[in-house]
Amino acid sequence: MAKKNNLIKLGDAINQLFKQEKLDVKISQFSVKNGWKDIVGDMIANSTTEIFFNEKIVFITLNSAALKHELTFRREELVNNINKFCGYKLVDQIVIR
């Protein structure tokens, strides 16, 4: 009688663990925070004081009223840029404070 082989590739096991523990989302959120300058540009990144994720919503705090006003009109573009940066749909909505 042949034994059944229960071995899986290490990469597959790591990916399964990441998805099970939702670490892939946390790593993507961390990457967005670190790559914020690449996503939005220097001017917006320098005026950003806080980036916070709650589920599929990202909360952005800015110290410039003019930029807050401008970004309210560019929310869809920001969502697309963040999701493009991650390679999948990480964010559905942006709240600008």
PDB file of N, CA and C in Angstrom:
ATOM      1  N   MET A   1       0.849  -1.157   0.000  1.00  0.00           N
ATOM      2  CA  MET A   1       0.000   0.000   0.000  1.00  0.00           C
ATOM      3  C   MET A   1       0.908   1.239   0.000  1.00  0.00           C
ATOM      4  N   ALA A   2       0.616   2.181  -0.883  1.00  0.00           N
ATOM      5  CA  ALA A   2       1.416   3.395  -1.007  1.00  0.00           C
ATOM      6  C   ALA A   2       0.974   4.426   0.023  1.00  0.00           C
ATOM      7  N   LYS A   3       1.956   5.128   0.570  1.00  0.00           N
ATOM      8  CA  LYS A   3       1.639   6.187   1.524  1.00  0.00           C
ATOM      9  C   LYS A   3       1.231   7.445   0.768  1.00  0.00           C
ATOM     10  N   LYS A   4       0.283   8.171   1.338  1.00  0.00           N
ATOM     11  CA  LYS A   4      -0.167   9.419   0.744  1.00  0.00           C
ATOM     12  C   LYS A   4       0.817  10.521   1.156  1.00  0.00           C
ATOM     13  N   ASN A   5       1.223  11.320   0.209  1.00  0.00           N
ATOM     14  CA  ASN A   5       2.194  12.378   0.448  1.00  0.00           C
ATOM     15  C   ASN A   5       1.454  13.649   0.867  1.00  0.00           C
ATOM     16  N   ASN A   6       1.631  14.094   2.101  1.00  0.00           N
ATOM     17  CA  ASN A   6       0.962  15.279   2.630  1.00  0.00           C
ATOM     18  C   ASN A   6       1.870  16.506   2.643  1.00  0.00           C
ATOM     19  N   LEU A   7       2.929  16.485   1.882  1.00  0.00           N
ATOM     20  CA  LEU A   7       3.860  17.598   1.859  1.00  0.00           C
ATOM     21  C   LEU A   7       3.337  18.713   0.955  1.00  0.00           C
ATOM     22  N   ILE A   8       3.550  19.949   1.408  1.00  0.00           N
ATOM     23  CA  ILE A   8       3.223  21.092   0.565  1.00  0.00           C
ATOM     24  C   ILE A   8       4.472  21.970   0.476  1.00  0.00           C
ATOM     25  N   LYS A   9       4.496  22.804  -0.534  1.00  0.00           N
ATOM     26  CA  LYS A   9       5.643  23.694  -0.711  1.00  0.00           C
ATOM     27  C   LYS A   9       5.671  24.723   0.405  1.00  0.00           C
ATOM     28  N   LEU A  10       6.869  25.119   0.798  1.00  0.00           N
ATOM     29  CA  LEU A  10       7.040  26.090   1.862  1.00  0.00           C
ATOM     30  C   LEU A  10       6.374  27.419   1.513  1.00  0.00           C
ATOM     31  N   GLY A  11       6.523  27.871   0.287  1.00  0.00           N
ATOM     32  CA  GLY A  11       5.903  29.119  -0.155  1.00  0.00           C
ATOM     33  C   GLY A  11       4.386  29.070  -0.048  1.00  0.00           C
ATOM     34  N   ASP A  12       3.798  27.932  -0.415  1.00  0.00           N
ATOM     35  CA  ASP A  12       2.345  27.764  -0.304  1.00  0.00           C
ATOM     36  C   ASP A  12       1.901  27.778   1.147  1.00  0.00           C
ATOM     37  N   ALA A  13       2.688  27.158   2.015  1.00  0.00           N
ATOM     38  CA  ALA A  13       2.362  27.139   3.452  1.00  0.00           C
ATOM     39  C   ALA A  13       2.422  28.545   4.043  1.00  0.00           C
ATOM     40  N   ILE A  14       3.425  29.312   3.647  1.00  0.00           N
ATOM     41  CA  ILE A  14       3.549  30.689   4.143  1.00  0.00           C
ATOM     42  C   ILE A  14       2.384  31.535   3.648  1.00  0.00           C
ATOM     43  N   ASN A  15       2.049  31.418   2.372  1.00  0.00           N
ATOM     44  CA  ASN A  15       0.906  32.167   1.827  1.00  0.00           C
ATOM     45  C   ASN A  15      -0.389  31.801   2.534  1.00  0.00           C
ATOM     46  N   GLN A  16      -0.580  30.533   2.806  1.00  0.00           N
ATOM     47  CA  GLN A  16      -1.779  30.077   3.508  1.00  0.00           C
ATOM     48  C   GLN A  16      -1.834  30.658   4.922  1.00  0.00           C
ATOM     49  N   LEU A  17      -0.699  30.670   5.605  1.00  0.00           N
ATOM     50  CA  LEU A  17      -0.618  31.248   6.949  1.00  0.00           C
ATOM     51  C   LEU A  17      -0.934  32.739   6.914  1.00  0.00           C
ATOM     52  N   PHE A  18      -0.364  33.464   5.938  1.00  0.00           N
ATOM     53  CA  PHE A  18      -0.610  34.905   5.818  1.00  0.00           C
ATOM     54  C   PHE A  18      -2.090  35.181   5.621  1.00  0.00           C
ATOM     55  N   LYS A  19      -2.724  34.422   4.749  1.00  0.00           N
ATOM     56  CA  LYS A  19      -4.154  34.643   4.489  1.00  0.00           C
ATOM     57  C   LYS A  19      -5.003  34.258   5.695  1.00  0.00           C
ATOM     58  N   GLN A  20      -4.651  33.187   6.348  1.00  0.00           N
ATOM     59  CA  GLN A  20      -5.405  32.720   7.511  1.00  0.00           C
ATOM     60  C   GLN A  20      -5.345  33.729   8.646  1.00  0.00           C
ATOM     61  N   GLU A  21      -4.193  34.312   8.877  1.00  0.00           N
ATOM     62  CA  GLU A  21      -4.013  35.263   9.969  1.00  0.00           C
ATOM     63  C   GLU A  21      -4.202  36.712   9.516  1.00  0.00           C
ATOM     64  N   LYS A  22      -4.570  36.904   8.251  1.00  0.00           N
ATOM     65  CA  LYS A  22      -4.771  38.235   7.640  1.00  0.00           C
ATOM     66  C   LYS A  22      -3.511  39.087   7.719  1.00  0.00           C
ATOM     67  N   LEU A  23      -2.373  38.435   7.681  1.00  0.00           N
ATOM     68  CA  LEU A  23      -1.098  39.149   7.710  1.00  0.00           C
ATOM     69  C   LEU A  23      -0.821  39.822   6.373  1.00  0.00           C
ATOM     70  N   ASP A  24      -1.368  39.265   5.284  1.00  0.00           N
ATOM     71  CA  ASP A  24      -1.153  39.871   3.980  1.00  0.00           C
ATOM     72  C   ASP A  24      -1.745  41.276   3.928  1.00  0.00           C
ATOM     73  N   VAL A  25      -2.893  41.478   4.567  1.00  0.00           N
ATOM     74  CA  VAL A  25      -3.526  42.798   4.612  1.00  0.00           C
ATOM     75  C   VAL A  25      -2.695  43.743   5.466  1.00  0.00           C
ATOM     76  N   LYS A  26      -2.230  43.262   6.602  1.00  0.00           N
ATOM     77  CA  LYS A  26      -1.424  44.103   7.495  1.00  0.00           C
ATOM     78  C   LYS A  26      -0.110  44.513   6.828  1.00  0.00           C
ATOM     79  N   ILE A  27       0.493  43.604   6.110  1.00  0.00           N
ATOM     80  CA  ILE A  27       1.730  43.923   5.402  1.00  0.00           C
ATOM     81  C   ILE A  27       1.456  44.938   4.294  1.00  0.00           C
ATOM     82  N   SER A  28       0.347  44.793   3.603  1.00  0.00           N
ATOM     83  CA  SER A  28      -0.017  45.754   2.557  1.00  0.00           C
ATOM     84  C   SER A  28      -0.280  47.134   3.154  1.00  0.00           C
ATOM     85  N   GLN A  29      -0.957  47.185   4.292  1.00  0.00           N
ATOM     86  CA  GLN A  29      -1.202  48.466   4.956  1.00  0.00           C
ATOM     87  C   GLN A  29       0.120  49.119   5.356  1.00  0.00           C
ATOM     88  N   PHE A  30       1.022  48.335   5.890  1.00  0.00           N
ATOM     89  CA  PHE A  30       2.339  48.835   6.258  1.00  0.00           C
ATOM     90  C   PHE A  30       3.075  49.351   5.024  1.00  0.00           C
ATOM     91  N   SER A  31       2.974  48.628   3.917  1.00  0.00           N
ATOM     92  CA  SER A  31       3.628  49.042   2.674  1.00  0.00           C
ATOM     93  C   SER A  31       3.061  50.356   2.153  1.00  0.00           C
ATOM     94  N   VAL A  32       1.743  50.534   2.282  1.00  0.00           N
ATOM     95  CA  VAL A  32       1.117  51.788   1.846  1.00  0.00           C
ATOM     96  C   VAL A  32       1.641  52.943   2.693  1.00  0.00           C
ATOM     97  N   LYS A  33       1.726  52.739   3.996  1.00  0.00           N
ATOM     98  CA  LYS A  33       2.243  53.802   4.870  1.00  0.00           C
ATOM     99  C   LYS A  33       3.682  54.159   4.503  1.00  0.00           C
ATOM    100  N   ASN A  34       4.505  53.157   4.260  1.00  0.00           N
ATOM    101  CA  ASN A  34       5.911  53.401   3.911  1.00  0.00           C
ATOM    102  C   ASN A  34       6.071  53.971   2.502  1.00  0.00           C
ATOM    103  N   GLY A  35       5.175  53.611   1.598  1.00  0.00           N
ATOM    104  CA  GLY A  35       5.260  54.075   0.216  1.00  0.00           C
ATOM    105  C   GLY A  35       4.346  55.245  -0.085  1.00  0.00           C
ATOM    106  N   TRP A  36       3.849  55.902   0.961  1.00  0.00           N
ATOM    107  CA  TRP A  36       2.870  56.989   0.791  1.00  0.00           C
ATOM    108  C   TRP A  36       3.385  58.083  -0.149  1.00  0.00           C
ATOM    109  N   LYS A  37       4.661  58.409  -0.042  1.00  0.00           N
ATOM    110  CA  LYS A  37       5.259  59.443  -0.890  1.00  0.00           C
ATOM    111  C   LYS A  37       5.206  59.034  -2.364  1.00  0.00           C
ATOM    112  N   ASP A  38       5.422  57.768  -2.654  1.00  0.00           N
ATOM    113  CA  ASP A  38       5.367  57.266  -4.026  1.00  0.00           C
ATOM    114  C   ASP A  38       3.930  57.240  -4.554  1.00  0.00           C
ATOM    115  N   ILE A  39       2.975  57.043  -3.670  1.00  0.00           N
ATOM    116  CA  ILE A  39       1.572  56.935  -4.076  1.00  0.00           C
ATOM    117  C   ILE A  39       0.975  58.310  -4.369  1.00  0.00           C
ATOM    118  N   VAL A  40       1.229  59.285  -3.489  1.00  0.00           N
ATOM    119  CA  VAL A  40       0.540  60.575  -3.597  1.00  0.00           C
ATOM    120  C   VAL A  40       1.443  61.731  -4.009  1.00  0.00           C
ATOM    121  N   GLY A  41       2.734  61.577  -3.941  1.00  0.00           N
ATOM    122  CA  GLY A  41       3.646  62.654  -4.296  1.00  0.00           C
ATOM    123  C   GLY A  41       4.175  63.377  -3.064  1.00  0.00           C
ATOM    124  N   ASP A  42       5.187  64.200  -3.288  1.00  0.00           N
ATOM    125  CA  ASP A  42       5.884  64.878  -2.191  1.00  0.00           C
ATOM    126  C   ASP A  42       4.995  65.853  -1.420  1.00  0.00           C
ATOM    127  N   MET A  43       4.260  66.691  -2.149  1.00  0.00           N
ATOM    128  CA  MET A  43       3.491  67.746  -1.489  1.00  0.00           C
ATOM    129  C   MET A  43       2.439  67.177  -0.533  1.00  0.00           C
ATOM    130  N   ILE A  44       1.687  66.189  -0.994  1.00  0.00           N
ATOM    131  CA  ILE A  44       0.646  65.592  -0.149  1.00  0.00           C
ATOM    132  C   ILE A  44       1.282  64.785   0.977  1.00  0.00           C
ATOM    133  N   ALA A  45       2.341  64.056   0.675  1.00  0.00           N
ATOM    134  CA  ALA A  45       3.012  63.243   1.700  1.00  0.00           C
ATOM    135  C   ALA A  45       3.571  64.112   2.815  1.00  0.00           C
ATOM    136  N   ASN A  46       4.121  65.262   2.464  1.00  0.00           N
ATOM    137  CA  ASN A  46       4.682  66.148   3.486  1.00  0.00           C
ATOM    138  C   ASN A  46       3.603  66.782   4.354  1.00  0.00           C
ATOM    139  N   SER A  47       2.381  66.898   3.829  1.00  0.00           N
ATOM    140  CA  SER A  47       1.268  67.483   4.599  1.00  0.00           C
ATOM    141  C   SER A  47       0.458  66.428   5.344  1.00  0.00           C
ATOM    142  N   THR A  48       0.772  65.167   5.142  1.00  0.00           N
ATOM    143  CA  THR A  48       0.054  64.082   5.808  1.00  0.00           C
ATOM    144  C   THR A  48       0.638  63.873   7.204  1.00  0.00           C
ATOM    145  N   THR A  49      -0.245  63.922   8.210  1.00  0.00           N
ATOM    146  CA  THR A  49       0.227  63.741   9.581  1.00  0.00           C
ATOM    147  C   THR A  49      -0.096  62.348  10.120  1.00  0.00           C
ATOM    148  N   GLU A  50      -1.116  61.686   9.544  1.00  0.00           N
ATOM    149  CA  GLU A  50      -1.481  60.357  10.037  1.00  0.00           C
ATOM    150  C   GLU A  50      -2.194  59.577   8.947  1.00  0.00           C
ATOM    151  N   ILE A  51      -1.916  58.276   8.890  1.00  0.00           N
ATOM    152  CA  ILE A  51      -2.617  57.337   8.011  1.00  0.00           C
ATOM    153  C   ILE A  51      -3.055  56.178   8.888  1.00  0.00           C
ATOM    154  N   PHE A  52      -4.351  55.887   8.885  1.00  0.00           N
ATOM    155  CA  PHE A  52      -4.909  54.854   9.741  1.00  0.00           C
ATOM    156  C   PHE A  52      -5.868  53.999   8.924  1.00  0.00           C
ATOM    157  N   PHE A  53      -5.773  52.685   9.070  1.00  0.00           N
ATOM    158  CA  PHE A  53      -6.652  51.758   8.356  1.00  0.00           C
ATOM    159  C   PHE A  53      -7.657  51.142   9.317  1.00  0.00           C
ATOM    160  N   ASN A  54      -8.893  51.035   8.870  1.00  0.00           N
ATOM    161  CA  ASN A  54      -9.947  50.325   9.600  1.00  0.00           C
ATOM    162  C   ASN A  54     -10.732  49.532   8.570  1.00  0.00           C
ATOM    163  N   GLU A  55     -10.488  48.227   8.559  1.00  0.00           N
ATOM    164  CA  GLU A  55     -11.065  47.355   7.544  1.00  0.00           C
ATOM    165  C   GLU A  55     -10.629  47.851   6.160  1.00  0.00           C
ATOM    166  N   LYS A  56     -11.576  48.194   5.281  1.00  0.00           N
ATOM    167  CA  LYS A  56     -11.241  48.641   3.925  1.00  0.00           C
ATOM    168  C   LYS A  56     -11.351  50.153   3.769  1.00  0.00           C
ATOM    169  N   ILE A  57     -11.288  50.861   4.898  1.00  0.00           N
ATOM    170  CA  ILE A  57     -11.342  52.320   4.891  1.00  0.00           C
ATOM    171  C   ILE A  57     -10.002  52.849   5.386  1.00  0.00           C
ATOM    172  N   VAL A  58      -9.462  53.837   4.679  1.00  0.00           N
ATOM    173  CA  VAL A  58      -8.228  54.478   5.124  1.00  0.00           C
ATOM    174  C   VAL A  58      -8.576  55.907   5.540  1.00  0.00           C
ATOM    175  N   PHE A  59      -8.084  56.275   6.717  1.00  0.00           N
ATOM    176  CA  PHE A  59      -8.287  57.604   7.268  1.00  0.00           C
ATOM    177  C   PHE A  59      -6.981  58.374   7.118  1.00  0.00           C
ATOM    178  N   ILE A  60      -7.062  59.539   6.481  1.00  0.00           N
ATOM    179  CA  ILE A  60      -5.883  60.353   6.235  1.00  0.00           C
ATOM    180  C   ILE A  60      -6.066  61.690   6.937  1.00  0.00           C
ATOM    181  N   THR A  61      -5.095  62.086   7.738  1.00  0.00           N
ATOM    182  CA  THR A  61      -5.123  63.381   8.411  1.00  0.00           C
ATOM    183  C   THR A  61      -4.089  64.282   7.752  1.00  0.00           C
ATOM    184  N   LEU A  62      -4.543  65.452   7.322  1.00  0.00           N
ATOM    185  CA  LEU A  62      -3.675  66.427   6.668  1.00  0.00           C
ATOM    186  C   LEU A  62      -3.605  67.695   7.501  1.00  0.00           C
ATOM    187  N   ASN A  63      -2.502  68.423   7.375  1.00  0.00           N
ATOM    188  CA  ASN A  63      -2.371  69.676   8.107  1.00  0.00           C
ATOM    189  C   ASN A  63      -2.620  70.893   7.219  1.00  0.00           C
ATOM    190  N   SER A  64      -3.146  70.690   6.024  1.00  0.00           N
ATOM    191  CA  SER A  64      -3.412  71.770   5.089  1.00  0.00           C
ATOM    192  C   SER A  64      -4.877  71.736   4.662  1.00  0.00           C
ATOM    193  N   ALA A  65      -5.594  72.803   4.952  1.00  0.00           N
ATOM    194  CA  ALA A  65      -7.008  72.879   4.585  1.00  0.00           C
ATOM    195  C   ALA A  65      -7.193  72.870   3.069  1.00  0.00           C
ATOM    196  N   ALA A  66      -6.284  73.506   2.357  1.00  0.00           N
ATOM    197  CA  ALA A  66      -6.385  73.546   0.895  1.00  0.00           C
ATOM    198  C   ALA A  66      -6.237  72.142   0.295  1.00  0.00           C
ATOM    199  N   LEU A  67      -5.293  71.365   0.827  1.00  0.00           N
ATOM    200  CA  LEU A  67      -5.115  69.993   0.338  1.00  0.00           C
ATOM    201  C   LEU A  67      -6.301  69.111   0.708  1.00  0.00           C
ATOM    202  N   LYS A  68      -6.848  69.301   1.891  1.00  0.00           N
ATOM    203  CA  LYS A  68      -8.047  68.545   2.281  1.00  0.00           C
ATOM    204  C   LYS A  68      -9.153  68.767   1.275  1.00  0.00           C
ATOM    205  N   HIS A  69      -9.350  70.025   0.907  1.00  0.00           N
ATOM    206  CA  HIS A  69     -10.401  70.371  -0.048  1.00  0.00           C
ATOM    207  C   HIS A  69     -10.124  69.740  -1.415  1.00  0.00           C
ATOM    208  N   GLU A  70      -8.877  69.824  -1.864  1.00  0.00           N
ATOM    209  CA  GLU A  70      -8.521  69.258  -3.161  1.00  0.00           C
ATOM    210  C   GLU A  70      -8.687  67.742  -3.179  1.00  0.00           C
ATOM    211  N   LEU A  71      -8.250  67.085  -2.114  1.00  0.00           N
ATOM    212  CA  LEU A  71      -8.295  65.620  -2.088  1.00  0.00           C
ATOM    213  C   LEU A  71      -9.710  65.071  -1.957  1.00  0.00           C
ATOM    214  N   THR A  72     -10.641  65.881  -1.453  1.00  0.00           N
ATOM    215  CA  THR A  72     -12.031  65.408  -1.413  1.00  0.00           C
ATOM    216  C   THR A  72     -12.548  65.174  -2.826  1.00  0.00           C
ATOM    217  N   PHE A  73     -12.026  65.912  -3.788  1.00  0.00           N
ATOM    218  CA  PHE A  73     -12.423  65.728  -5.184  1.00  0.00           C
ATOM    219  C   PHE A  73     -11.632  64.624  -5.873  1.00  0.00           C
ATOM    220  N   ARG A  74     -10.528  64.201  -5.268  1.00  0.00           N
ATOM    221  CA  ARG A  74      -9.654  63.190  -5.875  1.00  0.00           C
ATOM    222  C   ARG A  74      -9.667  61.871  -5.098  1.00  0.00           C
ATOM    223  N   ARG A  75     -10.705  61.635  -4.321  1.00  0.00           N
ATOM    224  CA  ARG A  75     -10.766  60.406  -3.502  1.00  0.00           C
ATOM    225  C   ARG A  75     -10.689  59.149  -4.348  1.00  0.00           C
ATOM    226  N   GLU A  76     -11.464  59.119  -5.421  1.00  0.00           N
ATOM    227  CA  GLU A  76     -11.491  57.933  -6.292  1.00  0.00           C
ATOM    228  C   GLU A  76     -10.098  57.656  -6.864  1.00  0.00           C
ATOM    229  N   GLU A  77      -9.414  58.707  -7.262  1.00  0.00           N
ATOM    230  CA  GLU A  77      -8.059  58.563  -7.802  1.00  0.00           C
ATOM    231  C   GLU A  77      -7.109  58.012  -6.736  1.00  0.00           C
ATOM    232  N   LEU A  78      -7.231  58.504  -5.510  1.00  0.00           N
ATOM    233  CA  LEU A  78      -6.387  58.006  -4.422  1.00  0.00           C
ATOM    234  C   LEU A  78      -6.652  56.532  -4.130  1.00  0.00           C
ATOM    235  N   VAL A  79      -7.926  56.152  -4.105  1.00  0.00           N
ATOM    236  CA  VAL A  79      -8.276  54.739  -3.883  1.00  0.00           C
ATOM    237  C   VAL A  79      -7.642  53.877  -4.966  1.00  0.00           C
ATOM    238  N   ASN A  80      -7.767  54.309  -6.216  1.00  0.00           N
ATOM    239  CA  ASN A  80      -7.177  53.552  -7.324  1.00  0.00           C
ATOM    240  C   ASN A  80      -5.664  53.467  -7.213  1.00  0.00           C
ATOM    241  N   ASN A  81      -5.014  54.566  -6.825  1.00  0.00           N
ATOM    242  CA  ASN A  81      -3.551  54.565  -6.686  1.00  0.00           C
ATOM    243  C   ASN A  81      -3.089  53.629  -5.571  1.00  0.00           C
ATOM    244  N   ILE A  82      -3.802  53.631  -4.455  1.00  0.00           N
ATOM    245  CA  ILE A  82      -3.441  52.740  -3.345  1.00  0.00           C
ATOM    246  C   ILE A  82      -3.613  51.285  -3.756  1.00  0.00           C
ATOM    247  N   ASN A  83      -4.743  50.966  -4.378  1.00  0.00           N
ATOM    248  CA  ASN A  83      -4.996  49.586  -4.803  1.00  0.00           C
ATOM    249  C   ASN A  83      -4.016  49.138  -5.876  1.00  0.00           C
ATOM    250  N   LYS A  84      -3.655  50.041  -6.771  1.00  0.00           N
ATOM    251  CA  LYS A  84      -2.664  49.724  -7.803  1.00  0.00           C
ATOM    252  C   LYS A  84      -1.300  49.467  -7.167  1.00  0.00           C
ATOM    253  N   PHE A  85      -0.945  50.250  -6.165  1.00  0.00           N
ATOM    254  CA  PHE A  85       0.325  50.087  -5.449  1.00  0.00           C
ATOM    255  C   PHE A  85       0.395  48.710  -4.787  1.00  0.00           C
ATOM    256  N   CYS A  86      -0.735  48.260  -4.218  1.00  0.00           N
ATOM    257  CA  CYS A  86      -0.772  46.968  -3.516  1.00  0.00           C
ATOM    258  C   CYS A  86      -0.907  45.784  -4.464  1.00  0.00           C
ATOM    259  N   GLY A  87      -1.520  46.014  -5.602  1.00  0.00           N
ATOM    260  CA  GLY A  87      -1.735  44.917  -6.546  1.00  0.00           C
ATOM    261  C   GLY A  87      -3.059  44.206  -6.353  1.00  0.00           C
ATOM    262  N   TYR A  88      -3.860  44.661  -5.418  1.00  0.00           N
ATOM    263  CA  TYR A  88      -5.204  44.126  -5.216  1.00  0.00           C
ATOM    264  C   TYR A  88      -6.041  45.175  -4.499  1.00  0.00           C
ATOM    265  N   LYS A  89      -7.337  44.905  -4.321  1.00  0.00           N
ATOM    266  CA  LYS A  89      -8.247  45.894  -3.746  1.00  0.00           C
ATOM    267  C   LYS A  89      -8.148  45.886  -2.221  1.00  0.00           C
ATOM    268  N   LEU A  90      -7.258  46.719  -1.710  1.00  0.00           N
ATOM    269  CA  LEU A  90      -7.046  46.852  -0.270  1.00  0.00           C
ATOM    270  C   LEU A  90      -8.032  47.849   0.334  1.00  0.00           C
ATOM    271  N   VAL A  91      -8.352  48.911  -0.404  1.00  0.00           N
ATOM    272  CA  VAL A  91      -9.137  50.032   0.113  1.00  0.00           C
ATOM    273  C   VAL A  91     -10.383  50.240  -0.739  1.00  0.00           C
ATOM    274  N   ASP A  92     -11.521  50.476  -0.068  1.00  0.00           N
ATOM    275  CA  ASP A  92     -12.761  50.826  -0.763  1.00  0.00           C
ATOM    276  C   ASP A  92     -13.078  52.309  -0.636  1.00  0.00           C
ATOM    277  N   GLN A  93     -12.632  52.914   0.455  1.00  0.00           N
ATOM    278  CA  GLN A  93     -13.047  54.271   0.760  1.00  0.00           C
ATOM    279  C   GLN A  93     -11.931  55.021   1.487  1.00  0.00           C
ATOM    280  N   ILE A  94     -11.897  56.336   1.286  1.00  0.00           N
ATOM    281  CA  ILE A  94     -10.940  57.200   1.977  1.00  0.00           C
ATOM    282  C   ILE A  94     -11.703  58.266   2.743  1.00  0.00           C
ATOM    283  N   VAL A  95     -11.306  58.472   3.990  1.00  0.00           N
ATOM    284  CA  VAL A  95     -11.857  59.557   4.804  1.00  0.00           C
ATOM    285  C   VAL A  95     -10.718  60.537   5.048  1.00  0.00           C
ATOM    286  N   ILE A  96     -10.952  61.788   4.684  1.00  0.00           N
ATOM    287  CA  ILE A  96      -9.928  62.821   4.822  1.00  0.00           C
ATOM    288  C   ILE A  96     -10.300  63.716   5.987  1.00  0.00           C
ATOM    289  N   ARG A  97      -9.369  63.868   6.913  1.00  0.00           N
ATOM    290  CA  ARG A  97      -9.610  64.698   8.099  1.00  0.00           C
ATOM    291  C   ARG A  97      -8.731  65.921   8.068  1.00  0.00           C
TER     292      ARG A  97
END
